[in-house]
Amino acid sequence: MSPGLLFLAYGVIVIMAMYVFVYIPNKKKHRKMQEMHDSIAAGDMVITIGGVVGRVVKEGDYLTLVIDEEKEVTMRIVLYAVNQKIDK
């Protein structure tokens, strides 16, 4: 085998490995997060990327979270700042 052909074969193998080990898992993770963001509704408890826990009262591209029920403290965040939805 010529060195140029061998180099090309290694390059193809590296690109295929990157596709299998990086792109596919990242795509699955992105799809799972998108499904979670689409399923958020008023009344759900969520955790933001920054670690803030709150209950959703208004939904859309921006969510309004109630942080403290007693003092009626609310926070408005971007939908994509939600990292986790807490199941009841």
PDB file of N, CA and C in Angstrom:
ATOM      1  N   MET A   1       0.835  -1.181   0.000  1.00  0.00           N
ATOM      2  CA  MET A   1       0.000   0.000   0.000  1.00  0.00           C
ATOM      3  C   MET A   1       0.877   1.241   0.000  1.00  0.00           C
ATOM      4  N   SER A   2       0.495   2.227  -0.771  1.00  0.00           N
ATOM      5  CA  SER A   2       1.289   3.451  -0.827  1.00  0.00           C
ATOM      6  C   SER A   2       1.021   4.303   0.410  1.00  0.00           C
ATOM      7  N   PRO A   3       2.015   5.108   0.810  1.00  0.00           N
ATOM      8  CA  PRO A   3       1.837   5.943   2.010  1.00  0.00           C
ATOM      9  C   PRO A   3       0.666   6.918   1.896  1.00  0.00           C
ATOM     10  N   GLY A   4       0.423   7.444   0.703  1.00  0.00           N
ATOM     11  CA  GLY A   4      -0.687   8.384   0.528  1.00  0.00           C
ATOM     12  C   GLY A   4      -2.036   7.727   0.748  1.00  0.00           C
ATOM     13  N   LEU A   5      -2.177   6.497   0.252  1.00  0.00           N
ATOM     14  CA  LEU A   5      -3.429   5.762   0.422  1.00  0.00           C
ATOM     15  C   LEU A   5      -3.635   5.360   1.881  1.00  0.00           C
ATOM     16  N   LEU A   6      -2.541   4.983   2.550  1.00  0.00           N
ATOM     17  CA  LEU A   6      -2.600   4.618   3.964  1.00  0.00           C
ATOM     18  C   LEU A   6      -3.008   5.830   4.808  1.00  0.00           C
ATOM     19  N   PHE A   7      -2.436   6.993   4.496  1.00  0.00           N
ATOM     20  CA  PHE A   7      -2.780   8.228   5.197  1.00  0.00           C
ATOM     21  C   PHE A   7      -4.256   8.567   4.999  1.00  0.00           C
ATOM     22  N   LEU A   8      -4.758   8.390   3.797  1.00  0.00           N
ATOM     23  CA  LEU A   8      -6.162   8.637   3.495  1.00  0.00           C
ATOM     24  C   LEU A   8      -7.077   7.681   4.266  1.00  0.00           C
ATOM     25  N   ALA A   9      -6.675   6.426   4.353  1.00  0.00           N
ATOM     26  CA  ALA A   9      -7.468   5.433   5.089  1.00  0.00           C
ATOM     27  C   ALA A   9      -7.533   5.797   6.575  1.00  0.00           C
ATOM     28  N   TYR A  10      -6.398   6.208   7.167  1.00  0.00           N
ATOM     29  CA  TYR A  10      -6.395   6.627   8.569  1.00  0.00           C
ATOM     30  C   TYR A  10      -7.278   7.853   8.774  1.00  0.00           C
ATOM     31  N   GLY A  11      -7.234   8.768   7.840  1.00  0.00           N
ATOM     32  CA  GLY A  11      -8.074   9.964   7.934  1.00  0.00           C
ATOM     33  C   GLY A  11      -9.557   9.621   7.922  1.00  0.00           C
ATOM     34  N   VAL A  12      -9.953   8.712   7.057  1.00  0.00           N
ATOM     35  CA  VAL A  12     -11.352   8.285   6.986  1.00  0.00           C
ATOM     36  C   VAL A  12     -11.766   7.592   8.278  1.00  0.00           C
ATOM     37  N   ILE A  13     -10.882   6.755   8.823  1.00  0.00           N
ATOM     38  CA  ILE A  13     -11.183   6.055  10.080  1.00  0.00           C
ATOM     39  C   ILE A  13     -11.346   7.052  11.220  1.00  0.00           C
ATOM     40  N   VAL A  14     -10.489   8.063  11.295  1.00  0.00           N
ATOM     41  CA  VAL A  14     -10.583   9.078  12.360  1.00  0.00           C
ATOM     42  C   VAL A  14     -11.886   9.864  12.236  1.00  0.00           C
ATOM     43  N   ILE A  15     -12.256  10.248  11.038  1.00  0.00           N
ATOM     44  CA  ILE A  15     -13.502  10.996  10.836  1.00  0.00           C
ATOM     45  C   ILE A  15     -14.707  10.139  11.207  1.00  0.00           C
ATOM     46  N   MET A  16     -14.688   8.874  10.838  1.00  0.00           N
ATOM     47  CA  MET A  16     -15.799   7.977  11.201  1.00  0.00           C
ATOM     48  C   MET A  16     -15.886   7.798  12.716  1.00  0.00           C
ATOM     49  N   ALA A  17     -14.730   7.666  13.386  1.00  0.00           N
ATOM     50  CA  ALA A  17     -14.720   7.518  14.842  1.00  0.00           C
ATOM     51  C   ALA A  17     -15.265   8.770  15.518  1.00  0.00           C
ATOM     52  N   MET A  18     -14.894   9.945  15.026  1.00  0.00           N
ATOM     53  CA  MET A  18     -15.421  11.186  15.593  1.00  0.00           C
ATOM     54  C   MET A  18     -16.929  11.269  15.411  1.00  0.00           C
ATOM     55  N   TYR A  19     -17.417  10.847  14.278  1.00  0.00           N
ATOM     56  CA  TYR A  19     -18.855  10.862  14.013  1.00  0.00           C
ATOM     57  C   TYR A  19     -19.586   9.946  14.984  1.00  0.00           C
ATOM     58  N   VAL A  20     -19.052   8.749  15.175  1.00  0.00           N
ATOM     59  CA  VAL A  20     -19.718   7.758  16.032  1.00  0.00           C
ATOM     60  C   VAL A  20     -19.636   8.144  17.501  1.00  0.00           C
ATOM     61  N   PHE A  21     -18.469   8.623  17.957  1.00  0.00           N
ATOM     62  CA  PHE A  21     -18.269   8.868  19.384  1.00  0.00           C
ATOM     63  C   PHE A  21     -18.584  10.287  19.836  1.00  0.00           C
ATOM     64  N   VAL A  22     -18.717  11.238  18.917  1.00  0.00           N
ATOM     65  CA  VAL A  22     -18.983  12.625  19.304  1.00  0.00           C
ATOM     66  C   VAL A  22     -20.323  13.110  18.774  1.00  0.00           C
ATOM     67  N   TYR A  23     -20.536  13.031  17.491  1.00  0.00           N
ATOM     68  CA  TYR A  23     -21.708  13.634  16.867  1.00  0.00           C
ATOM     69  C   TYR A  23     -23.005  12.927  17.257  1.00  0.00           C
ATOM     70  N   ILE A  24     -23.048  11.622  17.178  1.00  0.00           N
ATOM     71  CA  ILE A  24     -24.288  10.888  17.461  1.00  0.00           C
ATOM     72  C   ILE A  24     -24.728  11.053  18.919  1.00  0.00           C
ATOM     73  N   PRO A  25     -23.843  10.869  19.929  1.00  0.00           N
ATOM     74  CA  PRO A  25     -24.287  11.084  21.319  1.00  0.00           C
ATOM     75  C   PRO A  25     -24.722  12.528  21.587  1.00  0.00           C
ATOM     76  N   ASN A  26     -24.028  13.500  20.982  1.00  0.00           N
ATOM     77  CA  ASN A  26     -24.390  14.899  21.173  1.00  0.00           C
ATOM     78  C   ASN A  26     -25.758  15.188  20.576  1.00  0.00           C
ATOM     79  N   LYS A  27     -26.049  14.584  19.428  1.00  0.00           N
ATOM     80  CA  LYS A  27     -27.352  14.764  18.791  1.00  0.00           C
ATOM     81  C   LYS A  27     -28.467  14.169  19.655  1.00  0.00           C
ATOM     82  N   LYS A  28     -28.224  13.004  20.251  1.00  0.00           N
ATOM     83  CA  LYS A  28     -29.219  12.388  21.132  1.00  0.00           C
ATOM     84  C   LYS A  28     -29.470  13.252  22.370  1.00  0.00           C
ATOM     85  N   LYS A  29     -28.397  13.799  22.949  1.00  0.00           N
ATOM     86  CA  LYS A  29     -28.527  14.658  24.126  1.00  0.00           C
ATOM     87  C   LYS A  29     -29.322  15.916  23.782  1.00  0.00           C
ATOM     88  N   HIS A  30     -29.034  16.505  22.627  1.00  0.00           N
ATOM     89  CA  HIS A  30     -29.747  17.712  22.193  1.00  0.00           C
ATOM     90  C   HIS A  30     -31.231  17.419  21.979  1.00  0.00           C
ATOM     91  N   ARG A  31     -31.549  16.287  21.366  1.00  0.00           N
ATOM     92  CA  ARG A  31     -32.947  15.909  21.126  1.00  0.00           C
ATOM     93  C   ARG A  31     -33.687  15.696  22.457  1.00  0.00           C
ATOM     94  N   LYS A  32     -33.011  15.074  23.432  1.00  0.00           N
ATOM     95  CA  LYS A  32     -33.628  14.834  24.741  1.00  0.00           C
ATOM     96  C   LYS A  32     -33.918  16.159  25.458  1.00  0.00           C
ATOM     97  N   MET A  33     -32.980  17.111  25.398  1.00  0.00           N
ATOM     98  CA  MET A  33     -33.198  18.416  26.024  1.00  0.00           C
ATOM     99  C   MET A  33     -34.335  19.169  25.331  1.00  0.00           C
ATOM    100  N   GLN A  34     -34.407  19.081  24.004  1.00  0.00           N
ATOM    101  CA  GLN A  34     -35.470  19.742  23.249  1.00  0.00           C
ATOM    102  C   GLN A  34     -36.832  19.190  23.649  1.00  0.00           C
ATOM    103  N   GLU A  35     -36.925  17.863  23.810  1.00  0.00           N
ATOM    104  CA  GLU A  35     -38.186  17.250  24.231  1.00  0.00           C
ATOM    105  C   GLU A  35     -38.573  17.707  25.633  1.00  0.00           C
ATOM    106  N   MET A  36     -37.577  17.833  26.523  1.00  0.00           N
ATOM    107  CA  MET A  36     -37.855  18.285  27.885  1.00  0.00           C
ATOM    108  C   MET A  36     -38.331  19.738  27.863  1.00  0.00           C
ATOM    109  N   HIS A  37     -37.699  20.587  27.066  1.00  0.00           N
ATOM    110  CA  HIS A  37     -38.121  21.997  26.971  1.00  0.00           C
ATOM    111  C   HIS A  37     -39.529  22.110  26.391  1.00  0.00           C
ATOM    112  N   ASP A  38     -39.856  21.273  25.423  1.00  0.00           N
ATOM    113  CA  ASP A  38     -41.191  21.304  24.827  1.00  0.00           C
ATOM    114  C   ASP A  38     -42.268  20.835  25.800  1.00  0.00           C
ATOM    115  N   SER A  39     -41.900  20.002  26.777  1.00  0.00           N
ATOM    116  CA  SER A  39     -42.891  19.438  27.691  1.00  0.00           C
ATOM    117  C   SER A  39     -43.135  20.292  28.931  1.00  0.00           C
ATOM    118  N   ILE A  40     -42.394  21.383  29.105  1.00  0.00           N
ATOM    119  CA  ILE A  40     -42.557  22.229  30.291  1.00  0.00           C
ATOM    120  C   ILE A  40     -43.889  22.963  30.221  1.00  0.00           C
ATOM    121  N   ALA A  41     -44.643  22.888  31.317  1.00  0.00           N
ATOM    122  CA  ALA A  41     -45.945  23.545  31.404  1.00  0.00           C
ATOM    123  C   ALA A  41     -46.050  24.260  32.746  1.00  0.00           C
ATOM    124  N   ALA A  42     -47.046  25.109  32.877  1.00  0.00           N
ATOM    125  CA  ALA A  42     -47.278  25.819  34.130  1.00  0.00           C
ATOM    126  C   ALA A  42     -47.517  24.809  35.244  1.00  0.00           C
ATOM    127  N   GLY A  43     -46.894  25.063  36.382  1.00  0.00           N
ATOM    128  CA  GLY A  43     -47.024  24.179  37.531  1.00  0.00           C
ATOM    129  C   GLY A  43     -45.855  23.222  37.695  1.00  0.00           C
ATOM    130  N   ASP A  44     -44.996  23.085  36.684  1.00  0.00           N
ATOM    131  CA  ASP A  44     -43.845  22.186  36.772  1.00  0.00           C
ATOM    132  C   ASP A  44     -42.736  22.818  37.608  1.00  0.00           C
ATOM    133  N   MET A  45     -42.033  21.981  38.349  1.00  0.00           N
ATOM    134  CA  MET A  45     -40.855  22.414  39.091  1.00  0.00           C
ATOM    135  C   MET A  45     -39.643  22.176  38.209  1.00  0.00           C
ATOM    136  N   VAL A  46     -38.766  23.203  38.106  1.00  0.00           N
ATOM    137  CA  VAL A  46     -37.593  23.104  37.243  1.00  0.00           C
ATOM    138  C   VAL A  46     -36.354  23.597  37.979  1.00  0.00           C
ATOM    139  N   ILE A  47     -35.199  23.172  37.472  1.00  0.00           N
ATOM    140  CA  ILE A  47     -33.910  23.656  37.953  1.00  0.00           C
ATOM    141  C   ILE A  47     -33.213  24.303  36.763  1.00  0.00           C
ATOM    142  N   THR A  48     -32.713  25.527  36.949  1.00  0.00           N
ATOM    143  CA  THR A  48     -32.034  26.229  35.865  1.00  0.00           C
ATOM    144  C   THR A  48     -30.570  25.819  35.803  1.00  0.00           C
ATOM    145  N   ILE A  49     -29.897  26.286  34.773  1.00  0.00           N
ATOM    146  CA  ILE A  49     -28.469  26.015  34.610  1.00  0.00           C
ATOM    147  C   ILE A  49     -27.687  26.561  35.803  1.00  0.00           C
ATOM    148  N   GLY A  50     -28.139  27.682  36.351  1.00  0.00           N
ATOM    149  CA  GLY A  50     -27.466  28.297  37.493  1.00  0.00           C
ATOM    150  C   GLY A  50     -27.810  27.676  38.831  1.00  0.00           C
ATOM    151  N   GLY A  51     -28.716  26.699  38.851  1.00  0.00           N
ATOM    152  CA  GLY A  51     -29.069  26.018  40.088  1.00  0.00           C
ATOM    153  C   GLY A  51     -30.273  26.592  40.806  1.00  0.00           C
ATOM    154  N   VAL A  52     -30.997  27.508  40.177  1.00  0.00           N
ATOM    155  CA  VAL A  52     -32.194  28.091  40.792  1.00  0.00           C
ATOM    156  C   VAL A  52     -33.357  27.117  40.617  1.00  0.00           C
ATOM    157  N   VAL A  53     -34.063  26.859  41.725  1.00  0.00           N
ATOM    158  CA  VAL A  53     -35.212  25.954  41.700  1.00  0.00           C
ATOM    159  C   VAL A  53     -36.471  26.796  41.809  1.00  0.00           C
ATOM    160  N   GLY A  54     -37.437  26.509  40.942  1.00  0.00           N
ATOM    161  CA  GLY A  54     -38.673  27.269  40.983  1.00  0.00           C
ATOM    162  C   GLY A  54     -39.812  26.551  40.280  1.00  0.00           C
ATOM    163  N   ARG A  55     -41.023  27.094  40.482  1.00  0.00           N
ATOM    164  CA  ARG A  55     -42.224  26.542  39.865  1.00  0.00           C
ATOM    165  C   ARG A  55     -42.634  27.466  38.723  1.00  0.00           C
ATOM    166  N   VAL A  56     -42.914  26.889  37.567  1.00  0.00           N
ATOM    167  CA  VAL A  56     -43.285  27.655  36.378  1.00  0.00           C
ATOM    168  C   VAL A  56     -44.715  28.160  36.529  1.00  0.00           C
ATOM    169  N   VAL A  57     -44.910  29.477  36.323  1.00  0.00           N
ATOM    170  CA  VAL A  57     -46.261  30.032  36.358  1.00  0.00           C
ATOM    171  C   VAL A  57     -46.693  30.557  34.995  1.00  0.00           C
ATOM    172  N   LYS A  58     -45.748  30.992  34.176  1.00  0.00           N
ATOM    173  CA  LYS A  58     -46.042  31.425  32.812  1.00  0.00           C
ATOM    174  C   LYS A  58     -45.046  30.744  31.897  1.00  0.00           C
ATOM    175  N   GLU A  59     -45.532  30.317  30.730  1.00  0.00           N
ATOM    176  CA  GLU A  59     -44.656  29.601  29.809  1.00  0.00           C
ATOM    177  C   GLU A  59     -44.579  30.300  28.468  1.00  0.00           C
ATOM    178  N   GLY A  60     -43.679  29.854  27.640  1.00  0.00           N
ATOM    179  CA  GLY A  60     -43.421  30.428  26.327  1.00  0.00           C
ATOM    180  C   GLY A  60     -41.924  30.403  26.094  1.00  0.00           C
ATOM    181  N   ASP A  61     -41.401  31.360  25.305  1.00  0.00           N
ATOM    182  CA  ASP A  61     -39.956  31.441  25.115  1.00  0.00           C
ATOM    183  C   ASP A  61     -39.268  31.916  26.392  1.00  0.00           C
ATOM    184  N   TYR A  62     -39.995  32.691  27.192  1.00  0.00           N
ATOM    185  CA  TYR A  62     -39.523  33.122  28.503  1.00  0.00           C
ATOM    186  C   TYR A  62     -40.441  32.511  29.555  1.00  0.00           C
ATOM    187  N   LEU A  63     -39.846  31.969  30.604  1.00  0.00           N
ATOM    188  CA  LEU A  63     -40.629  31.380  31.693  1.00  0.00           C
ATOM    189  C   LEU A  63     -40.583  32.309  32.887  1.00  0.00           C
ATOM    190  N   THR A  64     -41.681  32.347  33.622  1.00  0.00           N
ATOM    191  CA  THR A  64     -41.697  33.051  34.894  1.00  0.00           C
ATOM    192  C   THR A  64     -41.736  31.994  35.981  1.00  0.00           C
ATOM    193  N   LEU A  65     -40.730  32.026  36.854  1.00  0.00           N
ATOM    194  CA  LEU A  65     -40.629  31.057  37.943  1.00  0.00           C
ATOM    195  C   LEU A  65     -40.958  31.723  39.263  1.00  0.00           C
ATOM    196  N   VAL A  66     -41.685  31.023  40.107  1.00  0.00           N
ATOM    197  CA  VAL A  66     -41.902  31.466  41.477  1.00  0.00           C
ATOM    198  C   VAL A  66     -40.805  30.811  42.304  1.00  0.00           C
ATOM    199  N   ILE A  67     -39.954  31.630  42.891  1.00  0.00           N
ATOM    200  CA  ILE A  67     -38.817  31.133  43.662  1.00  0.00           C
ATOM    201  C   ILE A  67     -39.200  30.942  45.126  1.00  0.00           C
ATOM    202  N   ASP A  68     -39.951  31.895  45.677  1.00  0.00           N
ATOM    203  CA  ASP A  68     -40.380  31.833  47.081  1.00  0.00           C
ATOM    204  C   ASP A  68     -41.876  32.105  47.128  1.00  0.00           C
ATOM    205  N   GLU A  69     -42.637  31.107  47.544  1.00  0.00           N
ATOM    206  CA  GLU A  69     -44.102  31.223  47.588  1.00  0.00           C
ATOM    207  C   GLU A  69     -44.562  32.262  48.610  1.00  0.00           C
ATOM    208  N   GLU A  70     -43.948  32.292  49.794  1.00  0.00           N
ATOM    209  CA  GLU A  70     -44.384  33.179  50.870  1.00  0.00           C
ATOM    210  C   GLU A  70     -44.172  34.657  50.522  1.00  0.00           C
ATOM    211  N   LYS A  71     -43.015  34.981  49.983  1.00  0.00           N
ATOM    212  CA  LYS A  71     -42.689  36.373  49.674  1.00  0.00           C
ATOM    213  C   LYS A  71     -43.050  36.742  48.239  1.00  0.00           C
ATOM    214  N   GLU A  72     -43.597  35.783  47.479  1.00  0.00           N
ATOM    215  CA  GLU A  72     -43.994  35.971  46.087  1.00  0.00           C
ATOM    216  C   GLU A  72     -42.840  36.493  45.225  1.00  0.00           C
ATOM    217  N   VAL A  73     -41.684  35.875  45.388  1.00  0.00           N
ATOM    218  CA  VAL A  73     -40.507  36.234  44.605  1.00  0.00           C
ATOM    219  C   VAL A  73     -40.566  35.474  43.287  1.00  0.00           C
ATOM    220  N   THR A  74     -40.499  36.216  42.170  1.00  0.00           N
ATOM    221  CA  THR A  74     -40.528  35.586  40.857  1.00  0.00           C
ATOM    222  C   THR A  74     -39.264  35.934  40.088  1.00  0.00           C
ATOM    223  N   MET A  75     -39.003  35.138  39.078  1.00  0.00           N
ATOM    224  CA  MET A  75     -37.845  35.360  38.222  1.00  0.00           C
ATOM    225  C   MET A  75     -38.237  35.012  36.789  1.00  0.00           C
ATOM    226  N   ARG A  76     -37.833  35.836  35.856  1.00  0.00           N
ATOM    227  CA  ARG A  76     -38.124  35.567  34.445  1.00  0.00           C
ATOM    228  C   ARG A  76     -36.841  35.071  33.787  1.00  0.00           C
ATOM    229  N   ILE A  77     -36.928  33.906  33.144  1.00  0.00           N
ATOM    230  CA  ILE A  77     -35.752  33.304  32.525  1.00  0.00           C
ATOM    231  C   ILE A  77     -36.062  32.886  31.091  1.00  0.00           C
ATOM    232  N   VAL A  78     -35.031  32.627  30.343  1.00  0.00           N
ATOM    233  CA  VAL A  78     -35.167  32.092  28.996  1.00  0.00           C
ATOM    234  C   VAL A  78     -35.437  30.594  29.110  1.00  0.00           C
ATOM    235  N   LEU A  79     -36.289  30.080  28.247  1.00  0.00           N
ATOM    236  CA  LEU A  79     -36.661  28.661  28.278  1.00  0.00           C
ATOM    237  C   LEU A  79     -35.440  27.754  28.267  1.00  0.00           C
ATOM    238  N   TYR A  80     -34.423  28.099  27.473  1.00  0.00           N
ATOM    239  CA  TYR A  80     -33.263  27.223  27.329  1.00  0.00           C
ATOM    240  C   TYR A  80     -32.310  27.280  28.514  1.00  0.00           C
ATOM    241  N   ALA A  81     -32.626  28.095  29.536  1.00  0.00           N
ATOM    242  CA  ALA A  81     -31.838  28.098  30.757  1.00  0.00           C
ATOM    243  C   ALA A  81     -32.274  26.988  31.698  1.00  0.00           C
ATOM    244  N   VAL A  82     -33.365  26.303  31.361  1.00  0.00           N
ATOM    245  CA  VAL A  82     -33.837  25.191  32.192  1.00  0.00           C
ATOM    246  C   VAL A  82     -32.966  23.983  31.900  1.00  0.00           C
ATOM    247  N   ASN A  83     -32.399  23.429  32.965  1.00  0.00           N
ATOM    248  CA  ASN A  83     -31.493  22.295  32.841  1.00  0.00           C
ATOM    249  C   ASN A  83     -32.173  20.979  33.184  1.00  0.00           C
ATOM    250  N   GLN A  84     -33.169  21.033  34.079  1.00  0.00           N
ATOM    251  CA  GLN A  84     -33.780  19.803  34.568  1.00  0.00           C
ATOM    252  C   GLN A  84     -35.211  20.078  34.997  1.00  0.00           C
ATOM    253  N   LYS A  85     -36.074  19.120  34.734  1.00  0.00           N
ATOM    254  CA  LYS A  85     -37.455  19.187  35.184  1.00  0.00           C
ATOM    255  C   LYS A  85     -37.611  18.192  36.328  1.00  0.00           C
ATOM    256  N   ILE A  86     -38.150  18.659  37.452  1.00  0.00           N
ATOM    257  CA  ILE A  86     -38.305  17.802  38.625  1.00  0.00           C
ATOM    258  C   ILE A  86     -39.649  17.102  38.557  1.00  0.00           C
ATOM    259  N   ASP A  87     -39.623  15.783  38.553  1.00  0.00           N
ATOM    260  CA  ASP A  87     -40.867  15.015  38.543  1.00  0.00           C
ATOM    261  C   ASP A  87     -41.454  14.995  39.939  1.00  0.00           C
ATOM    262  N   LYS A  88     -42.781  15.072  39.990  1.00  0.00           N
ATOM    263  CA  LYS A  88     -43.463  15.095  41.286  1.00  0.00           C
ATOM    264  C   LYS A  88     -43.593  13.712  41.854  1.00  0.00           C
TER     265      LYS A  88
END
